[in-house]
N, C-alpha and C. Protein backbone atom coordinates (compact mmCIF):
# COMPACT_ATOMS: atom_id res chain seq x y z
N UNK A 1 0.49 10.24 -6.85
CA UNK A 1 -0.52 10.03 -7.88
C UNK A 1 -1.15 8.67 -7.64
N UNK A 2 -2.44 8.51 -7.95
CA UNK A 2 -3.15 7.25 -7.86
C UNK A 2 -3.56 6.79 -9.20
N UNK A 3 -3.57 5.45 -9.37
CA UNK A 3 -3.95 4.79 -10.58
C UNK A 3 -4.99 3.72 -10.20
N UNK A 4 -5.86 3.35 -11.17
CA UNK A 4 -6.82 2.29 -10.93
C UNK A 4 -6.54 1.24 -12.03
N UNK A 5 -6.23 0.03 -11.54
CA UNK A 5 -5.92 -1.09 -12.40
C UNK A 5 -7.05 -2.13 -12.23
N UNK A 6 -7.69 -2.45 -13.33
CA UNK A 6 -8.81 -3.48 -13.31
C UNK A 6 -8.28 -4.79 -13.81
N UNK A 7 -8.71 -5.83 -13.16
CA UNK A 7 -8.30 -7.20 -13.55
C UNK A 7 -9.44 -8.03 -14.04
N UNK A 8 -9.15 -9.09 -14.78
CA UNK A 8 -10.14 -10.05 -15.21
C UNK A 8 -9.78 -11.39 -14.65
N UNK A 9 -10.73 -12.16 -14.19
CA UNK A 9 -10.48 -13.53 -13.66
C UNK A 9 -11.07 -14.56 -14.63
N UNK A 10 -10.33 -15.55 -14.95
CA UNK A 10 -10.81 -16.67 -15.80
C UNK A 10 -10.76 -17.90 -14.92
N UNK A 11 -11.79 -18.71 -14.97
CA UNK A 11 -11.78 -19.99 -14.24
C UNK A 11 -11.86 -21.17 -15.22
N UNK A 12 -11.08 -22.17 -15.00
CA UNK A 12 -11.03 -23.36 -15.82
C UNK A 12 -11.96 -24.42 -15.24
N UNK A 13 -13.19 -24.48 -15.72
CA UNK A 13 -14.17 -25.48 -15.23
C UNK A 13 -13.69 -26.88 -15.54
N UNK A 14 -12.88 -27.07 -16.53
CA UNK A 14 -12.38 -28.39 -16.89
C UNK A 14 -11.43 -28.92 -15.82
N UNK A 15 -10.86 -28.10 -15.02
CA UNK A 15 -9.97 -28.55 -13.97
C UNK A 15 -10.69 -29.07 -12.75
N UNK A 16 -12.02 -28.86 -12.72
CA UNK A 16 -12.76 -29.31 -11.56
C UNK A 16 -13.08 -30.85 -11.64
N UNK A 17 -13.36 -31.27 -12.84
CA UNK A 17 -13.79 -32.71 -13.00
C UNK A 17 -12.82 -33.54 -13.83
N UNK A 18 -11.98 -32.89 -14.57
CA UNK A 18 -10.98 -33.58 -15.41
C UNK A 18 -9.61 -32.96 -15.11
N UNK A 19 -8.65 -33.21 -16.01
CA UNK A 19 -7.29 -32.65 -15.79
C UNK A 19 -7.23 -31.19 -16.22
N UNK A 20 -8.20 -30.68 -16.95
CA UNK A 20 -8.23 -29.24 -17.31
C UNK A 20 -7.26 -28.81 -18.35
N UNK A 21 -6.60 -29.74 -19.01
CA UNK A 21 -5.55 -29.40 -19.94
C UNK A 21 -6.05 -29.28 -21.37
N UNK A 22 -5.49 -28.33 -22.12
CA UNK A 22 -5.88 -28.19 -23.54
C UNK A 22 -5.44 -29.44 -24.32
N UNK A 23 -4.28 -29.97 -24.00
CA UNK A 23 -3.74 -31.17 -24.72
C UNK A 23 -4.68 -32.35 -24.65
N UNK A 24 -5.45 -32.48 -23.62
CA UNK A 24 -6.39 -33.62 -23.50
C UNK A 24 -7.78 -33.24 -23.84
N UNK A 25 -7.99 -32.01 -24.27
CA UNK A 25 -9.35 -31.49 -24.63
C UNK A 25 -10.24 -31.19 -23.48
N UNK A 26 -9.70 -31.08 -22.30
CA UNK A 26 -10.48 -30.91 -21.11
C UNK A 26 -10.50 -29.44 -20.56
N UNK A 27 -9.84 -28.49 -21.27
CA UNK A 27 -9.83 -27.12 -20.82
C UNK A 27 -11.24 -26.52 -21.13
N UNK A 28 -11.79 -25.79 -20.17
CA UNK A 28 -13.12 -25.12 -20.40
C UNK A 28 -13.07 -23.84 -19.56
N UNK A 29 -12.48 -22.75 -20.18
CA UNK A 29 -12.30 -21.51 -19.45
C UNK A 29 -13.53 -20.63 -19.58
N UNK A 30 -13.88 -20.02 -18.46
CA UNK A 30 -15.00 -19.04 -18.46
C UNK A 30 -14.54 -17.76 -17.86
N UNK A 31 -15.03 -16.69 -18.43
CA UNK A 31 -14.74 -15.35 -17.86
C UNK A 31 -15.59 -15.21 -16.57
N UNK A 32 -14.97 -14.75 -15.54
CA UNK A 32 -15.67 -14.50 -14.30
C UNK A 32 -15.53 -13.00 -13.98
N UNK A 33 -15.64 -12.65 -12.76
CA UNK A 33 -15.46 -11.26 -12.40
C UNK A 33 -14.08 -10.77 -12.42
N UNK A 34 -13.83 -9.70 -11.77
CA UNK A 34 -12.54 -9.09 -11.69
C UNK A 34 -12.49 -8.14 -10.50
N UNK A 35 -11.43 -7.41 -10.40
CA UNK A 35 -11.30 -6.49 -9.28
C UNK A 35 -10.66 -5.18 -9.81
N UNK A 36 -10.99 -4.08 -9.06
CA UNK A 36 -10.36 -2.81 -9.26
C UNK A 36 -9.38 -2.54 -8.13
N UNK A 37 -8.19 -2.17 -8.46
CA UNK A 37 -7.19 -1.87 -7.43
C UNK A 37 -6.81 -0.39 -7.58
N UNK A 38 -7.00 0.31 -6.51
CA UNK A 38 -6.56 1.74 -6.49
C UNK A 38 -5.14 1.75 -5.89
N UNK A 39 -4.21 2.06 -6.75
CA UNK A 39 -2.76 1.94 -6.41
C UNK A 39 -2.20 3.36 -6.11
N UNK A 40 -1.61 3.52 -4.96
CA UNK A 40 -0.95 4.73 -4.61
C UNK A 40 0.51 4.44 -4.29
N UNK A 41 1.34 5.44 -4.25
CA UNK A 41 2.72 5.24 -3.92
C UNK A 41 3.60 5.07 -5.10
N UNK A 42 3.10 5.12 -6.27
CA UNK A 42 3.92 4.96 -7.50
C UNK A 42 3.65 6.16 -8.40
N UNK A 43 4.64 6.49 -9.26
CA UNK A 43 4.48 7.66 -10.09
C UNK A 43 4.20 7.33 -11.58
N UNK A 44 4.31 6.04 -11.94
CA UNK A 44 4.12 5.63 -13.34
C UNK A 44 3.07 4.52 -13.36
N UNK A 45 2.17 4.68 -14.39
CA UNK A 45 1.09 3.68 -14.52
C UNK A 45 1.63 2.26 -14.84
N UNK A 46 2.76 2.23 -15.55
CA UNK A 46 3.39 0.95 -15.89
C UNK A 46 3.79 0.20 -14.62
N UNK A 47 4.31 0.95 -13.69
CA UNK A 47 4.73 0.33 -12.39
C UNK A 47 3.53 -0.16 -11.60
N UNK A 48 2.41 0.60 -11.71
CA UNK A 48 1.16 0.18 -11.00
C UNK A 48 0.65 -1.12 -11.61
N UNK A 49 0.66 -1.22 -12.94
CA UNK A 49 0.23 -2.46 -13.60
C UNK A 49 1.08 -3.64 -13.17
N UNK A 50 2.40 -3.45 -13.22
CA UNK A 50 3.30 -4.49 -12.84
C UNK A 50 3.15 -4.90 -11.42
N UNK A 51 2.95 -3.92 -10.53
CA UNK A 51 2.70 -4.23 -9.05
C UNK A 51 1.46 -5.06 -8.90
N UNK A 52 0.34 -4.67 -9.52
CA UNK A 52 -0.90 -5.43 -9.37
C UNK A 52 -0.68 -6.84 -9.90
N UNK A 53 -0.04 -7.01 -11.02
CA UNK A 53 0.13 -8.36 -11.60
C UNK A 53 0.99 -9.20 -10.65
N UNK A 54 2.09 -8.59 -10.15
CA UNK A 54 2.96 -9.33 -9.26
C UNK A 54 2.29 -9.75 -7.92
N UNK A 55 1.50 -8.84 -7.37
CA UNK A 55 0.93 -9.07 -6.08
C UNK A 55 -0.41 -9.84 -6.12
N UNK A 56 -1.20 -9.57 -7.14
CA UNK A 56 -2.55 -10.17 -7.20
C UNK A 56 -2.86 -11.06 -8.39
N UNK A 57 -1.92 -11.10 -9.34
CA UNK A 57 -2.10 -11.89 -10.57
C UNK A 57 -2.06 -13.38 -10.24
N UNK A 58 -2.65 -14.17 -11.10
CA UNK A 58 -2.69 -15.58 -10.90
C UNK A 58 -2.52 -16.25 -12.29
N UNK A 59 -1.87 -17.39 -12.37
CA UNK A 59 -1.70 -18.05 -13.64
C UNK A 59 -1.42 -19.53 -13.36
N UNK A 60 -2.47 -20.30 -13.24
CA UNK A 60 -2.29 -21.74 -13.10
C UNK A 60 -3.38 -22.46 -13.83
N UNK A 61 -3.46 -23.78 -13.66
CA UNK A 61 -4.43 -24.61 -14.42
C UNK A 61 -5.87 -24.32 -13.98
N UNK A 62 -6.03 -23.81 -12.81
CA UNK A 62 -7.41 -23.59 -12.27
C UNK A 62 -7.93 -22.18 -12.51
N UNK A 63 -7.07 -21.22 -12.59
CA UNK A 63 -7.51 -19.85 -12.79
C UNK A 63 -6.43 -18.93 -13.23
N UNK A 64 -6.85 -17.85 -13.85
CA UNK A 64 -5.94 -16.79 -14.24
C UNK A 64 -6.52 -15.49 -13.91
N UNK A 65 -5.76 -14.55 -13.40
CA UNK A 65 -6.17 -13.23 -13.08
C UNK A 65 -5.06 -12.27 -13.55
N UNK A 66 -5.47 -11.24 -14.36
CA UNK A 66 -4.48 -10.39 -14.99
C UNK A 66 -5.08 -9.02 -15.23
N UNK A 67 -4.25 -7.99 -15.34
CA UNK A 67 -4.72 -6.64 -15.64
C UNK A 67 -5.29 -6.53 -17.04
N UNK A 68 -6.42 -5.84 -17.15
CA UNK A 68 -7.02 -5.64 -18.46
C UNK A 68 -7.27 -4.17 -18.83
N UNK A 69 -7.28 -3.33 -17.77
CA UNK A 69 -7.52 -1.90 -17.99
C UNK A 69 -6.85 -1.13 -16.92
N UNK A 70 -6.28 -0.03 -17.32
CA UNK A 70 -5.58 0.90 -16.36
C UNK A 70 -5.77 2.32 -16.79
N UNK A 71 -5.95 3.15 -15.72
CA UNK A 71 -6.16 4.58 -15.87
C UNK A 71 -5.84 5.32 -14.62
N UNK A 72 -5.81 6.66 -14.73
CA UNK A 72 -5.54 7.45 -13.52
C UNK A 72 -6.77 7.38 -12.66
N UNK A 73 -6.59 7.74 -11.39
CA UNK A 73 -7.69 7.76 -10.46
C UNK A 73 -8.81 8.74 -10.96
N UNK A 74 -8.33 9.90 -11.45
CA UNK A 74 -9.31 10.90 -11.96
C UNK A 74 -10.10 10.39 -13.10
N UNK A 75 -9.46 9.64 -14.06
CA UNK A 75 -10.22 9.04 -15.13
C UNK A 75 -11.22 8.05 -14.68
N UNK A 76 -10.84 7.25 -13.68
CA UNK A 76 -11.78 6.27 -13.10
C UNK A 76 -12.96 7.00 -12.44
N UNK A 77 -12.71 8.09 -11.76
CA UNK A 77 -13.79 8.88 -11.12
C UNK A 77 -14.77 9.41 -12.22
N UNK A 78 -14.19 9.81 -13.36
CA UNK A 78 -15.03 10.29 -14.49
C UNK A 78 -15.93 9.14 -14.99
N UNK A 79 -15.34 7.90 -15.03
CA UNK A 79 -16.16 6.72 -15.46
C UNK A 79 -17.31 6.49 -14.47
N UNK A 80 -17.01 6.62 -13.19
CA UNK A 80 -18.00 6.38 -12.19
C UNK A 80 -19.17 7.38 -12.31
N UNK A 81 -18.82 8.62 -12.55
CA UNK A 81 -19.84 9.68 -12.70
C UNK A 81 -20.76 9.42 -13.88
N UNK A 82 -20.30 8.73 -14.87
CA UNK A 82 -21.13 8.43 -16.05
C UNK A 82 -22.04 7.25 -15.83
N UNK A 83 -21.78 6.48 -14.78
CA UNK A 83 -22.58 5.26 -14.50
C UNK A 83 -23.85 5.59 -13.70
N UNK A 84 -24.76 4.62 -13.63
CA UNK A 84 -25.90 4.68 -12.77
C UNK A 84 -25.37 4.81 -11.34
N UNK A 85 -26.05 5.62 -10.52
CA UNK A 85 -25.61 5.92 -9.18
C UNK A 85 -25.33 4.72 -8.30
N UNK A 86 -26.25 3.77 -8.28
CA UNK A 86 -26.09 2.61 -7.41
C UNK A 86 -24.94 1.72 -7.89
N UNK A 87 -24.82 1.57 -9.19
CA UNK A 87 -23.72 0.72 -9.71
C UNK A 87 -22.38 1.42 -9.44
N UNK A 88 -22.32 2.75 -9.57
CA UNK A 88 -21.13 3.46 -9.32
C UNK A 88 -20.68 3.32 -7.87
N UNK A 89 -21.68 3.37 -6.97
CA UNK A 89 -21.39 3.18 -5.54
C UNK A 89 -20.85 1.74 -5.27
N UNK A 90 -21.44 0.80 -5.92
CA UNK A 90 -21.00 -0.58 -5.82
C UNK A 90 -19.53 -0.75 -6.25
N UNK A 91 -19.25 -0.21 -7.44
CA UNK A 91 -17.87 -0.28 -7.98
C UNK A 91 -16.89 0.41 -7.04
N UNK A 92 -17.23 1.53 -6.58
CA UNK A 92 -16.35 2.29 -5.69
C UNK A 92 -16.16 1.49 -4.35
N UNK A 93 -17.21 0.93 -3.87
CA UNK A 93 -17.11 0.18 -2.60
C UNK A 93 -16.33 -1.09 -2.75
N UNK A 94 -16.27 -1.71 -3.93
CA UNK A 94 -15.53 -2.96 -4.13
C UNK A 94 -14.06 -2.76 -4.43
N UNK A 95 -13.68 -1.54 -4.80
CA UNK A 95 -12.28 -1.28 -5.17
C UNK A 95 -11.42 -1.48 -3.95
N UNK A 96 -10.21 -2.01 -4.16
CA UNK A 96 -9.27 -2.31 -3.10
C UNK A 96 -8.11 -1.31 -3.18
N UNK A 97 -7.84 -0.61 -2.10
CA UNK A 97 -6.74 0.35 -2.09
C UNK A 97 -5.46 -0.41 -1.64
N UNK A 98 -4.43 -0.27 -2.49
CA UNK A 98 -3.20 -0.99 -2.29
C UNK A 98 -2.00 -0.05 -2.53
N UNK A 99 -0.88 -0.44 -2.03
CA UNK A 99 0.34 0.33 -2.20
C UNK A 99 1.55 -0.56 -1.93
N UNK A 100 2.55 -0.41 -2.78
CA UNK A 100 3.76 -1.25 -2.49
C UNK A 100 4.44 -0.83 -1.20
């Protein structure tokens, strides 16, 4: 079975010019893009989410990347069909196929 796990990336602009810490008032987080991971080789969506977080997740002062949405491959295909054709092609082309 295949699953699609979407991630969100946050960037701390405050860490570029200052120390970037909340305690000093220098944290300035901005939502950035994310990625879609097509995960095969697992039978449970929970395992796919945990795999993506372990392999591609990030959590430090400069950036954070974490899963925000997860669904079966078929559900993702249904989402793509409901999108504008060019945007759907873009999303499909950007997805990364991964497997443990």
